[in-house]
N, C-alpha and C. Protein backbone atom coordinates (compact mmCIF):
# COMPACT_ATOMS: atom_id res chain seq x y z
N UNK A 1 -142.39 208.40 165.23
CA UNK A 1 -141.21 208.52 164.37
C UNK A 1 -139.96 208.09 165.11
N UNK A 2 -140.04 207.85 166.37
CA UNK A 2 -138.86 207.37 167.11
C UNK A 2 -137.67 208.26 167.00
N UNK A 3 -136.57 207.67 166.59
CA UNK A 3 -135.27 208.41 166.49
C UNK A 3 -135.34 209.47 165.42
N UNK A 4 -136.31 209.38 164.50
CA UNK A 4 -136.40 210.35 163.40
C UNK A 4 -137.33 211.52 163.70
N UNK A 5 -137.69 211.67 164.98
CA UNK A 5 -138.48 212.83 165.33
C UNK A 5 -137.68 214.09 164.98
N UNK A 6 -138.25 215.00 164.17
CA UNK A 6 -137.46 216.15 163.71
C UNK A 6 -137.75 217.41 164.52
N UNK A 7 -136.80 218.30 164.49
CA UNK A 7 -137.07 219.71 164.76
C UNK A 7 -137.54 220.33 163.47
N UNK A 8 -138.13 221.53 163.59
CA UNK A 8 -138.59 222.24 162.39
C UNK A 8 -138.25 223.71 162.51
N UNK A 9 -137.95 224.32 161.37
CA UNK A 9 -137.54 225.73 161.40
C UNK A 9 -138.07 226.48 160.18
N UNK A 10 -138.46 227.70 160.42
CA UNK A 10 -138.89 228.62 159.32
C UNK A 10 -137.80 229.65 159.12
N UNK A 11 -137.32 229.79 157.92
CA UNK A 11 -136.39 230.86 157.62
C UNK A 11 -137.16 232.10 157.27
N UNK A 12 -137.13 233.11 158.13
CA UNK A 12 -138.03 234.30 157.97
C UNK A 12 -137.23 235.56 158.21
N UNK A 13 -135.90 235.51 157.91
CA UNK A 13 -135.08 236.67 158.23
C UNK A 13 -134.84 237.60 157.07
N UNK A 14 -135.40 237.33 155.91
CA UNK A 14 -135.20 238.23 154.76
C UNK A 14 -135.83 239.59 155.00
N UNK A 15 -135.31 240.55 154.26
CA UNK A 15 -135.81 241.94 154.44
C UNK A 15 -137.00 242.28 153.54
N UNK A 16 -137.43 241.32 152.69
CA UNK A 16 -138.61 241.46 151.85
C UNK A 16 -138.52 242.75 150.98
N UNK A 17 -137.31 243.01 150.47
CA UNK A 17 -137.12 244.26 149.72
C UNK A 17 -137.99 244.26 148.45
N UNK A 18 -137.98 243.14 147.73
CA UNK A 18 -138.75 243.07 146.45
C UNK A 18 -140.25 243.08 146.71
N UNK A 19 -140.70 242.50 147.80
CA UNK A 19 -142.12 242.52 148.11
C UNK A 19 -142.55 243.93 148.58
N UNK A 20 -141.66 244.63 149.31
CA UNK A 20 -142.00 245.96 149.75
C UNK A 20 -142.66 245.97 151.09
N UNK A 21 -142.89 244.81 151.71
CA UNK A 21 -143.43 244.69 153.07
C UNK A 21 -143.10 243.29 153.59
N UNK A 22 -143.32 243.11 154.87
CA UNK A 22 -142.93 241.88 155.51
C UNK A 22 -143.73 240.67 154.94
N UNK A 23 -143.02 239.77 154.28
CA UNK A 23 -143.71 238.59 153.70
C UNK A 23 -144.34 237.71 154.77
N UNK A 24 -143.71 237.63 155.90
CA UNK A 24 -144.19 236.76 156.96
C UNK A 24 -145.56 237.12 157.42
N UNK A 25 -145.99 238.37 157.21
CA UNK A 25 -147.31 238.83 157.64
C UNK A 25 -148.38 238.68 156.57
N UNK A 26 -148.03 238.30 155.32
CA UNK A 26 -149.01 238.09 154.29
C UNK A 26 -149.95 236.98 154.68
N UNK A 27 -151.18 237.09 154.25
CA UNK A 27 -152.25 236.18 154.69
C UNK A 27 -152.51 235.11 153.61
N UNK A 28 -152.68 233.85 154.06
CA UNK A 28 -153.16 232.74 153.26
C UNK A 28 -154.44 232.27 153.90
N UNK A 29 -155.56 232.55 153.26
CA UNK A 29 -156.86 232.22 153.81
C UNK A 29 -157.01 232.75 155.25
N UNK A 30 -156.58 233.97 155.43
CA UNK A 30 -156.70 234.67 156.69
C UNK A 30 -155.64 234.37 157.71
N UNK A 31 -154.67 233.48 157.38
CA UNK A 31 -153.62 233.05 158.32
C UNK A 31 -152.31 233.65 157.88
N UNK A 32 -151.59 234.35 158.77
CA UNK A 32 -150.30 234.91 158.39
C UNK A 32 -149.35 233.78 157.96
N UNK A 33 -148.57 234.07 156.90
CA UNK A 33 -147.68 233.06 156.34
C UNK A 33 -146.80 232.45 157.39
N UNK A 34 -146.21 233.26 158.31
CA UNK A 34 -145.30 232.65 159.29
C UNK A 34 -146.06 231.68 160.18
N UNK A 35 -147.23 232.00 160.62
CA UNK A 35 -147.99 231.08 161.49
C UNK A 35 -148.42 229.82 160.70
N UNK A 36 -148.72 230.02 159.43
CA UNK A 36 -149.08 228.88 158.56
C UNK A 36 -147.89 227.89 158.45
N UNK A 37 -146.69 228.40 158.24
CA UNK A 37 -145.54 227.55 158.11
C UNK A 37 -145.21 226.82 159.43
N UNK A 38 -145.37 227.53 160.53
CA UNK A 38 -145.17 226.85 161.81
C UNK A 38 -146.22 225.77 162.08
N UNK A 39 -147.43 225.99 161.59
CA UNK A 39 -148.47 224.98 161.70
C UNK A 39 -148.12 223.75 160.87
N UNK A 40 -147.61 223.95 159.67
CA UNK A 40 -147.21 222.83 158.80
C UNK A 40 -146.13 222.00 159.46
N UNK A 41 -145.17 222.66 160.10
CA UNK A 41 -144.13 221.95 160.77
C UNK A 41 -144.66 221.09 161.93
N UNK A 42 -145.66 221.67 162.66
CA UNK A 42 -146.29 220.88 163.74
C UNK A 42 -146.99 219.66 163.17
N UNK A 43 -147.70 219.87 162.02
CA UNK A 43 -148.40 218.77 161.42
C UNK A 43 -147.48 217.71 160.87
N UNK A 44 -146.26 218.12 160.51
CA UNK A 44 -145.23 217.17 160.00
C UNK A 44 -144.52 216.45 161.16
N UNK A 45 -144.88 216.75 162.40
CA UNK A 45 -144.31 216.03 163.53
C UNK A 45 -143.27 216.75 164.33
N UNK A 46 -143.12 218.05 164.08
CA UNK A 46 -142.07 218.83 164.76
C UNK A 46 -142.63 219.48 166.03
N UNK A 47 -142.29 218.94 167.18
CA UNK A 47 -142.70 219.59 168.42
C UNK A 47 -141.73 220.69 168.83
N UNK A 48 -140.48 220.51 168.39
CA UNK A 48 -139.44 221.56 168.58
C UNK A 48 -139.42 222.41 167.31
N UNK A 49 -139.84 223.69 167.46
CA UNK A 49 -139.90 224.58 166.31
C UNK A 49 -139.15 225.88 166.55
N UNK A 50 -138.51 226.37 165.49
CA UNK A 50 -137.71 227.61 165.59
C UNK A 50 -138.06 228.48 164.42
N UNK A 51 -137.78 229.79 164.61
CA UNK A 51 -137.88 230.76 163.53
C UNK A 51 -136.56 231.52 163.44
N UNK A 52 -136.01 231.54 162.26
CA UNK A 52 -134.82 232.35 162.03
C UNK A 52 -135.28 233.76 161.66
N UNK A 53 -134.90 234.74 162.49
CA UNK A 53 -135.39 236.11 162.33
C UNK A 53 -134.42 237.05 161.64
N UNK A 54 -133.31 236.51 161.17
CA UNK A 54 -132.30 237.40 160.57
C UNK A 54 -131.51 238.11 161.71
N UNK A 55 -130.73 239.11 161.27
CA UNK A 55 -129.88 239.82 162.25
C UNK A 55 -130.39 241.26 162.45
N UNK A 56 -131.36 241.70 161.65
CA UNK A 56 -131.84 243.07 161.73
C UNK A 56 -133.04 243.11 162.67
N UNK A 57 -133.72 244.27 162.71
CA UNK A 57 -134.87 244.43 163.59
C UNK A 57 -135.97 243.45 163.14
N UNK A 58 -136.57 242.77 164.11
CA UNK A 58 -137.60 241.76 163.79
C UNK A 58 -138.83 242.36 163.12
N UNK A 59 -139.45 241.60 162.23
CA UNK A 59 -140.67 242.06 161.55
C UNK A 59 -141.87 241.89 162.46
N UNK A 60 -142.98 242.52 162.08
CA UNK A 60 -144.18 242.49 162.93
C UNK A 60 -144.75 241.08 163.16
N UNK A 61 -144.57 240.18 162.21
CA UNK A 61 -145.16 238.87 162.34
C UNK A 61 -144.55 238.10 163.51
N UNK A 62 -143.32 238.42 163.93
CA UNK A 62 -142.69 237.70 165.02
C UNK A 62 -143.47 237.89 166.35
N UNK A 63 -144.21 238.98 166.42
CA UNK A 63 -144.99 239.17 167.63
C UNK A 63 -146.09 238.17 167.79
N UNK A 64 -146.47 237.48 166.65
CA UNK A 64 -147.52 236.50 166.69
C UNK A 64 -147.11 235.09 167.01
N UNK A 65 -145.78 234.89 167.08
CA UNK A 65 -145.23 233.57 167.25
C UNK A 65 -145.56 233.03 168.68
N UNK A 66 -146.07 231.81 168.78
CA UNK A 66 -146.39 231.25 170.11
C UNK A 66 -145.12 231.18 171.00
N UNK A 67 -145.37 231.25 172.29
CA UNK A 67 -144.23 231.19 173.24
C UNK A 67 -143.40 229.90 173.12
N UNK A 68 -144.01 228.82 172.70
CA UNK A 68 -143.30 227.53 172.61
C UNK A 68 -142.28 227.51 171.47
N UNK A 69 -142.41 228.43 170.55
CA UNK A 69 -141.51 228.50 169.38
C UNK A 69 -140.34 229.40 169.70
N UNK A 70 -139.13 228.91 169.44
CA UNK A 70 -137.94 229.71 169.71
C UNK A 70 -137.57 230.56 168.51
N UNK A 71 -137.30 231.84 168.78
CA UNK A 71 -136.85 232.76 167.73
C UNK A 71 -135.33 232.97 167.90
N UNK A 72 -134.58 232.72 166.80
CA UNK A 72 -133.12 232.86 166.87
C UNK A 72 -132.67 233.84 165.82
N UNK A 73 -131.70 234.67 166.21
CA UNK A 73 -131.19 235.68 165.30
C UNK A 73 -129.88 235.20 164.65
N UNK A 74 -129.59 235.64 163.41
CA UNK A 74 -128.38 235.27 162.76
C UNK A 74 -127.18 235.85 163.52
N UNK A 75 -126.05 235.19 163.38
CA UNK A 75 -124.81 235.71 164.02
C UNK A 75 -124.32 237.00 163.38
N UNK A 76 -124.59 237.17 162.05
CA UNK A 76 -124.11 238.33 161.38
C UNK A 76 -125.16 238.75 160.34
N UNK A 77 -125.18 240.01 159.99
CA UNK A 77 -126.13 240.53 159.02
C UNK A 77 -125.65 240.31 157.57
N UNK A 78 -126.58 240.34 156.64
CA UNK A 78 -126.29 240.34 155.21
C UNK A 78 -125.50 239.08 154.77
N UNK A 79 -125.75 237.96 155.41
CA UNK A 79 -125.12 236.70 155.02
C UNK A 79 -126.15 235.78 154.39
N UNK A 80 -127.35 236.23 154.16
CA UNK A 80 -128.37 235.46 153.45
C UNK A 80 -128.94 234.31 154.28
N UNK A 81 -129.75 233.48 153.60
CA UNK A 81 -130.43 232.41 154.38
C UNK A 81 -129.48 231.37 154.96
N UNK A 82 -128.27 231.24 154.41
CA UNK A 82 -127.35 230.27 155.03
C UNK A 82 -127.07 230.63 156.50
N UNK A 83 -127.04 231.93 156.80
CA UNK A 83 -126.81 232.35 158.19
C UNK A 83 -127.96 231.90 159.08
N UNK A 84 -129.17 232.02 158.56
CA UNK A 84 -130.33 231.53 159.32
C UNK A 84 -130.31 230.06 159.47
N UNK A 85 -129.92 229.34 158.38
CA UNK A 85 -129.90 227.89 158.42
C UNK A 85 -128.86 227.43 159.46
N UNK A 86 -127.70 228.08 159.52
CA UNK A 86 -126.66 227.70 160.50
C UNK A 86 -127.19 227.85 161.90
N UNK A 87 -127.92 228.92 162.20
CA UNK A 87 -128.42 229.13 163.56
C UNK A 87 -129.47 228.14 163.95
N UNK A 88 -130.41 227.80 163.04
CA UNK A 88 -131.43 226.86 163.45
C UNK A 88 -130.89 225.46 163.62
N UNK A 89 -129.88 225.09 162.75
CA UNK A 89 -129.27 223.81 162.92
C UNK A 89 -128.53 223.73 164.26
N UNK A 90 -127.85 224.79 164.61
CA UNK A 90 -127.11 224.84 165.88
C UNK A 90 -128.05 224.73 167.07
N UNK A 91 -129.20 225.41 166.99
CA UNK A 91 -130.09 225.44 168.15
C UNK A 91 -131.10 224.35 168.18
N UNK A 92 -131.23 223.54 167.11
CA UNK A 92 -132.26 222.48 167.09
C UNK A 92 -132.00 221.40 168.19
N UNK A 93 -133.05 220.88 168.68
CA UNK A 93 -132.95 219.84 169.76
C UNK A 93 -132.91 218.43 169.19
N UNK A 94 -133.21 218.19 167.92
CA UNK A 94 -133.22 216.85 167.34
C UNK A 94 -132.15 216.76 166.24
N UNK A 95 -131.83 215.54 165.86
CA UNK A 95 -130.77 215.31 164.94
C UNK A 95 -131.11 215.61 163.51
N UNK A 96 -132.39 215.65 163.17
CA UNK A 96 -132.85 216.05 161.85
C UNK A 96 -133.72 217.30 161.97
N UNK A 97 -133.58 218.20 161.00
CA UNK A 97 -134.30 219.48 161.04
C UNK A 97 -134.97 219.74 159.72
N UNK A 98 -136.31 219.84 159.75
CA UNK A 98 -137.04 220.25 158.55
C UNK A 98 -136.95 221.75 158.45
N UNK A 99 -136.45 222.28 157.37
CA UNK A 99 -136.26 223.73 157.20
C UNK A 99 -137.06 224.18 155.99
N UNK A 100 -137.90 225.21 156.20
CA UNK A 100 -138.71 225.73 155.15
C UNK A 100 -138.65 227.26 155.09
N UNK A 101 -138.82 227.83 153.93
CA UNK A 101 -138.87 229.26 153.77
C UNK A 101 -140.29 229.76 154.17
N UNK A 102 -140.31 231.03 154.54
CA UNK A 102 -141.58 231.57 155.00
C UNK A 102 -142.53 231.86 153.84
N UNK A 103 -142.00 232.04 152.59
CA UNK A 103 -142.78 232.61 151.52
C UNK A 103 -143.31 231.57 150.54
N UNK A 104 -143.69 230.39 151.01
CA UNK A 104 -144.18 229.32 150.15
C UNK A 104 -145.62 229.05 150.54
N UNK A 105 -146.59 229.71 149.94
CA UNK A 105 -147.98 229.65 150.41
C UNK A 105 -148.71 228.35 150.07
N UNK A 106 -148.17 227.50 149.20
CA UNK A 106 -148.87 226.28 148.82
C UNK A 106 -148.18 225.00 149.34
N UNK A 107 -147.13 225.19 150.10
CA UNK A 107 -146.46 224.04 150.72
C UNK A 107 -147.40 223.31 151.63
N UNK A 108 -147.28 221.96 151.70
CA UNK A 108 -148.16 221.15 152.54
C UNK A 108 -147.36 220.22 153.45
N UNK A 109 -147.94 219.97 154.61
CA UNK A 109 -147.26 219.13 155.60
C UNK A 109 -147.00 217.71 155.05
N UNK A 110 -147.91 217.20 154.25
CA UNK A 110 -147.75 215.89 153.70
C UNK A 110 -146.45 215.75 152.87
N UNK A 111 -146.11 216.80 152.13
CA UNK A 111 -144.89 216.76 151.34
C UNK A 111 -143.65 216.74 152.30
N UNK A 112 -143.75 217.50 153.37
CA UNK A 112 -142.64 217.51 154.34
C UNK A 112 -142.46 216.15 154.95
N UNK A 113 -143.55 215.42 155.21
CA UNK A 113 -143.43 214.10 155.76
C UNK A 113 -142.79 213.12 154.79
N UNK A 114 -143.03 213.32 153.47
CA UNK A 114 -142.37 212.46 152.49
C UNK A 114 -140.85 212.63 152.49
N UNK A 115 -140.46 213.90 152.70
CA UNK A 115 -139.00 214.16 152.76
C UNK A 115 -138.39 213.42 153.97
N UNK A 116 -139.11 213.50 155.05
CA UNK A 116 -138.59 212.89 156.30
C UNK A 116 -138.49 211.38 156.18
N UNK A 117 -139.40 210.77 155.42
CA UNK A 117 -139.35 209.31 155.18
C UNK A 117 -138.02 208.92 154.51
N UNK A 118 -137.57 209.78 153.61
CA UNK A 118 -136.30 209.49 152.87
C UNK A 118 -135.03 209.83 153.62
N UNK A 119 -135.21 210.49 154.78
CA UNK A 119 -134.02 210.91 155.55
C UNK A 119 -133.56 209.77 156.48
N UNK A 120 -132.31 209.87 156.96
CA UNK A 120 -131.76 208.94 157.89
C UNK A 120 -131.02 209.75 158.97
N UNK A 121 -130.70 209.17 160.09
CA UNK A 121 -129.91 209.89 161.06
C UNK A 121 -128.57 210.27 160.44
N UNK A 122 -128.26 211.53 160.46
CA UNK A 122 -127.01 212.01 159.87
C UNK A 122 -127.12 212.28 158.39
N UNK A 123 -128.28 212.00 157.74
CA UNK A 123 -128.39 212.18 156.32
C UNK A 123 -129.75 212.85 156.03
N UNK A 124 -129.65 214.07 155.50
CA UNK A 124 -130.81 214.86 155.14
C UNK A 124 -131.27 214.61 153.69
N UNK A 125 -132.35 215.34 153.30
CA UNK A 125 -132.94 215.18 151.96
C UNK A 125 -133.25 216.57 151.42
N UNK A 126 -132.87 216.77 150.16
CA UNK A 126 -133.19 218.06 149.48
C UNK A 126 -133.95 217.73 148.20
N UNK A 127 -135.09 218.38 147.94
CA UNK A 127 -135.81 218.17 146.68
C UNK A 127 -134.95 218.66 145.49
N UNK A 128 -135.10 217.97 144.39
CA UNK A 128 -134.47 218.40 143.13
C UNK A 128 -135.57 218.62 142.13
N UNK A 129 -135.58 219.86 141.56
CA UNK A 129 -136.67 220.28 140.70
C UNK A 129 -136.11 221.05 139.50
N UNK A 130 -136.46 220.56 138.33
CA UNK A 130 -135.99 221.21 137.10
C UNK A 130 -134.46 221.32 137.07
N UNK A 131 -133.79 220.33 137.59
CA UNK A 131 -132.35 220.31 137.60
C UNK A 131 -131.71 221.16 138.69
N UNK A 132 -132.52 221.71 139.57
CA UNK A 132 -132.00 222.58 140.65
C UNK A 132 -132.47 222.05 141.99
N UNK A 133 -131.60 222.18 143.00
CA UNK A 133 -131.97 221.77 144.33
C UNK A 133 -132.80 222.89 144.98
N UNK A 134 -133.65 222.51 145.89
CA UNK A 134 -134.53 223.47 146.64
C UNK A 134 -134.10 223.44 148.08
N UNK A 135 -133.09 224.14 148.46
CA UNK A 135 -132.55 224.02 149.86
C UNK A 135 -133.39 224.65 150.95
N UNK A 136 -134.45 225.38 150.58
CA UNK A 136 -135.29 225.98 151.62
C UNK A 136 -136.62 225.23 151.77
N UNK A 137 -136.66 223.98 151.28
CA UNK A 137 -137.68 223.03 151.63
C UNK A 137 -136.95 221.71 151.74
N UNK A 138 -136.30 221.49 152.83
CA UNK A 138 -135.37 220.32 152.94
C UNK A 138 -135.30 219.84 154.36
N UNK A 139 -134.75 218.65 154.52
CA UNK A 139 -134.43 218.08 155.82
C UNK A 139 -132.90 218.05 155.95
N UNK A 140 -132.35 218.62 157.00
CA UNK A 140 -130.93 218.68 157.21
C UNK A 140 -130.50 217.89 158.45
N UNK A 141 -129.34 217.27 158.45
CA UNK A 141 -128.82 216.74 159.70
C UNK A 141 -128.26 217.91 160.54
N UNK A 142 -128.52 217.87 161.79
CA UNK A 142 -128.09 218.93 162.66
C UNK A 142 -126.55 219.17 162.54
N UNK A 143 -125.82 218.12 162.32
CA UNK A 143 -124.36 218.21 162.24
C UNK A 143 -123.89 219.05 161.06
N UNK A 144 -124.79 219.35 160.05
CA UNK A 144 -124.40 220.19 158.97
C UNK A 144 -124.14 221.65 159.40
N UNK A 145 -124.50 222.01 160.63
CA UNK A 145 -124.21 223.33 161.12
C UNK A 145 -122.74 223.70 161.05
N UNK A 146 -121.88 222.73 161.27
CA UNK A 146 -120.44 223.00 161.25
C UNK A 146 -119.98 223.43 159.86
N UNK A 147 -120.50 222.73 158.85
CA UNK A 147 -120.16 223.10 157.44
C UNK A 147 -120.75 224.47 157.09
N UNK A 148 -121.94 224.77 157.51
CA UNK A 148 -122.52 226.08 157.29
C UNK A 148 -121.71 227.17 157.96
N UNK A 149 -121.30 226.95 159.15
CA UNK A 149 -120.49 227.95 159.90
C UNK A 149 -119.14 228.17 159.17
N UNK A 150 -118.48 227.10 158.74
CA UNK A 150 -117.24 227.23 158.02
C UNK A 150 -117.39 228.02 156.74
N UNK A 151 -118.46 227.77 155.99
CA UNK A 151 -118.70 228.54 154.78
C UNK A 151 -118.95 229.99 155.04
N UNK A 152 -119.74 230.27 156.07
CA UNK A 152 -119.99 231.68 156.39
C UNK A 152 -118.69 232.37 156.78
N UNK A 153 -117.78 231.67 157.45
CA UNK A 153 -116.52 232.23 157.85
C UNK A 153 -115.65 232.58 156.63
N UNK A 154 -115.85 231.85 155.53
CA UNK A 154 -115.11 232.09 154.29
C UNK A 154 -115.81 233.06 153.37
N UNK A 155 -117.00 233.57 153.79
CA UNK A 155 -117.73 234.48 152.94
C UNK A 155 -118.45 233.80 151.82
N UNK A 156 -118.75 232.47 151.98
CA UNK A 156 -119.42 231.70 150.96
C UNK A 156 -120.88 231.53 151.44
N UNK A 157 -121.77 232.34 150.89
CA UNK A 157 -123.14 232.44 151.42
C UNK A 157 -124.18 231.67 150.61
N UNK A 158 -123.83 231.13 149.42
CA UNK A 158 -124.80 230.50 148.57
C UNK A 158 -125.28 229.14 149.12
N UNK A 159 -126.59 228.90 149.06
CA UNK A 159 -127.12 227.69 149.66
C UNK A 159 -126.93 226.46 148.74
N UNK A 160 -127.08 226.62 147.45
CA UNK A 160 -127.02 225.43 146.60
C UNK A 160 -125.64 224.78 146.60
N UNK A 161 -124.54 225.53 146.56
CA UNK A 161 -123.23 224.86 146.72
C UNK A 161 -123.06 224.17 148.06
N UNK A 162 -123.67 224.74 149.12
CA UNK A 162 -123.65 224.07 150.42
C UNK A 162 -124.34 222.69 150.34
N UNK A 163 -125.52 222.68 149.73
CA UNK A 163 -126.22 221.41 149.58
C UNK A 163 -125.48 220.42 148.69
N UNK A 164 -124.90 220.92 147.61
CA UNK A 164 -124.16 220.08 146.68
C UNK A 164 -122.96 219.45 147.41
N UNK A 165 -122.32 220.23 148.29
CA UNK A 165 -121.18 219.67 149.05
C UNK A 165 -121.69 218.58 150.01
N UNK A 166 -122.92 218.75 150.54
CA UNK A 166 -123.49 217.73 151.41
C UNK A 166 -123.79 216.45 150.65
N UNK A 167 -124.29 216.56 149.42
CA UNK A 167 -124.53 215.38 148.63
C UNK A 167 -123.24 214.67 148.33
N UNK A 168 -122.21 215.42 147.96
CA UNK A 168 -120.92 214.86 147.65
C UNK A 168 -120.32 214.12 148.85
N UNK A 169 -120.55 214.71 150.06
CA UNK A 169 -120.00 214.18 151.26
C UNK A 169 -120.86 213.05 151.90
N UNK A 170 -122.04 212.93 151.41
CA UNK A 170 -122.93 211.84 151.91
C UNK A 170 -123.89 212.23 153.02
N UNK A 171 -123.87 213.50 153.46
CA UNK A 171 -124.83 213.88 154.53
C UNK A 171 -126.09 214.57 154.02
N UNK A 172 -126.25 214.61 152.66
CA UNK A 172 -127.50 214.99 152.04
C UNK A 172 -127.75 214.03 150.87
N UNK A 173 -129.03 213.81 150.56
CA UNK A 173 -129.41 213.05 149.38
C UNK A 173 -130.45 213.82 148.61
N UNK A 174 -130.54 213.55 147.32
CA UNK A 174 -131.56 214.21 146.45
C UNK A 174 -132.84 213.46 146.47
N UNK A 175 -133.94 214.19 146.29
CA UNK A 175 -135.27 213.57 146.15
C UNK A 175 -135.97 214.30 145.01
N UNK A 176 -136.16 213.64 143.85
CA UNK A 176 -136.81 214.30 142.73
C UNK A 176 -138.23 214.74 143.08
N UNK A 177 -138.60 215.90 142.53
CA UNK A 177 -139.96 216.44 142.74
C UNK A 177 -140.86 215.97 141.59
N UNK A 178 -141.98 215.35 141.94
CA UNK A 178 -142.92 214.88 140.89
C UNK A 178 -143.71 216.05 140.34
N UNK A 179 -144.27 215.86 139.17
CA UNK A 179 -145.01 216.94 138.51
C UNK A 179 -146.13 217.49 139.37
N UNK A 180 -146.84 216.59 140.10
CA UNK A 180 -147.95 217.08 140.90
C UNK A 180 -147.53 217.69 142.24
N UNK A 181 -146.21 217.67 142.47
CA UNK A 181 -145.68 218.36 143.69
C UNK A 181 -145.08 219.73 143.37
N UNK A 182 -145.00 220.06 142.12
CA UNK A 182 -144.33 221.32 141.73
C UNK A 182 -144.99 222.58 142.36
N UNK A 183 -146.29 222.51 142.55
CA UNK A 183 -147.00 223.66 143.11
C UNK A 183 -146.59 224.03 144.54
N UNK A 184 -145.98 223.03 145.24
CA UNK A 184 -145.58 223.31 146.61
C UNK A 184 -144.45 224.38 146.65
N UNK A 185 -143.83 224.65 145.53
CA UNK A 185 -142.71 225.54 145.49
C UNK A 185 -143.10 226.95 144.99
N UNK A 186 -144.41 227.17 144.86
CA UNK A 186 -144.91 228.52 144.49
C UNK A 186 -144.35 229.51 145.50
N UNK A 187 -143.79 230.61 145.00
CA UNK A 187 -143.09 231.55 145.89
C UNK A 187 -143.72 232.96 145.75
N UNK A 188 -143.99 233.58 146.94
CA UNK A 188 -144.42 234.93 147.00
C UNK A 188 -143.20 235.82 147.23
N UNK A 189 -142.63 236.39 146.20
CA UNK A 189 -141.40 237.16 146.33
C UNK A 189 -141.60 238.64 145.94
N UNK A 190 -142.57 238.90 145.06
CA UNK A 190 -142.82 240.25 144.60
C UNK A 190 -144.35 240.51 144.63
N UNK A 191 -144.79 241.77 144.62
CA UNK A 191 -146.25 242.02 144.65
C UNK A 191 -147.00 241.32 143.51
N UNK A 192 -146.37 241.25 142.33
CA UNK A 192 -147.07 240.57 141.20
C UNK A 192 -147.28 239.10 141.38
N UNK A 193 -146.60 238.50 142.36
CA UNK A 193 -146.74 237.07 142.67
C UNK A 193 -148.01 236.79 143.47
N UNK A 194 -148.59 237.82 144.07
CA UNK A 194 -149.74 237.62 144.99
C UNK A 194 -150.97 237.38 144.18
N UNK A 195 -151.88 236.57 144.70
CA UNK A 195 -153.19 236.32 144.03
C UNK A 195 -154.08 237.61 144.16
N UNK A 196 -155.06 237.72 143.26
CA UNK A 196 -155.92 238.97 143.31
C UNK A 196 -156.57 239.20 144.66
N UNK A 197 -156.92 238.13 145.38
CA UNK A 197 -157.60 238.28 146.65
C UNK A 197 -156.70 238.78 147.79
N UNK A 198 -155.37 238.73 147.56
CA UNK A 198 -154.43 239.17 148.60
C UNK A 198 -154.37 240.69 148.69
N UNK A 199 -154.63 241.30 149.89
CA UNK A 199 -154.49 242.75 150.03
C UNK A 199 -153.09 243.18 149.65
N UNK A 200 -153.02 244.32 148.94
CA UNK A 200 -151.73 244.78 148.44
C UNK A 200 -151.37 246.06 149.12
């Protein structure tokens, strides 16, 4: 990948209130979600990998993270995933960063590689699905950390306006999601989202 070699990050700092337990520890074919997402990032070409752990006490899944993966805490609590995004962009070693949420059990590394193909140095890619951007399966330029930090300082925590500002400014571009890619965005957010085979 040359100059486009990416860092990769999993946003895993949520408190899993609606699920009622740590989502990062949920199993997909016997593999904890957090480890699965880290594996996808490695398969997508990310040798530099990070986990955003939030600002509160770390969940049990973090104990499983390999030593080579860096765990970073948010600068402040209760600022949502934008706070985690700011930290991983700040700490990333490469100019592009693939960022994914921990709770997407059907995401595949091949889809992440297609996003990277559409990225450029200084310009990230965000999927657009059903008229909405998907900012937690996206490629970001590391320089976007400054905009994230500025928004956090103003108390603006929403991710989609952040991405929309990036598109308007030229450091993000949209990538439409095809019908056969829609399943990659399946989300485990509540107990009723889990398949019957998943222990509850």
